[in-house]
Amino acid sequence: MMVPKAARRYAEALYDLAKAQGCLDRVLVDMKAIGAGVLGSPELSLFLPDYTIRKPQRLGALDQLFKRGCDELSWRFLLFLESKKRMALLPGVCKTIAVLHDRSMGVVDVDLKTALPADAGELDVISSEIKRRVAGIVRLNTTTDRDLIGGFSFQVGDTVYDYSVRGSLQALRKKLENG
């Protein structure tokens, strides 16, 4: 999901404010739960950006959905987004605030693809190779991709490290084509 620039700015502001007020942990929990709720509910995803619904009904629905379980700052933030008619940005805010927190804690997401499902021992070996190349706490997101033929590849941000048979064959083909 591509996060709009405005959602990133709102997330940064909420993150900084929650940190300053000492309620960051609660706000992070709130935003994670709200983000999961929005992604898991097509009805809620349609409701949030729909400002054809009258304001009293929208506020009543938001109150029922979020107020009781939220930290005070999270609730005020939701009301702020509502007042600016920016609730469509909420899923992006929820995603971005988690990314901001991970970044501040030194957590790095690594997308690992293996040709076959890897067992714990293989994952340990691969993980140690990744940790040699990546600064921070590595969080592995593993998937299986049989097109790799053998081996593995991993991606950190925009950089892909390819240790697969497919990658080796492609490199060899390029070398042969370029003479």
Foldseek 3Di string as FASTA:
>chain_A
DDADPVLLVLLVVLCVVCVVVVNNVQLLVLLLVVLVVCVVDPVNLVPLLDPVPDPVVNVVVCCVPRVPRGDPSNSVSCVVCVVVSNSNNSNSSSVNNVVVVCVVQFEFEKEKEFLDDDDPVVVVVVVVVVCVVGTGHYDYDYDYDNVLVGDMWMDTVHDIRRPGPVVVVVVVVVVVVVD
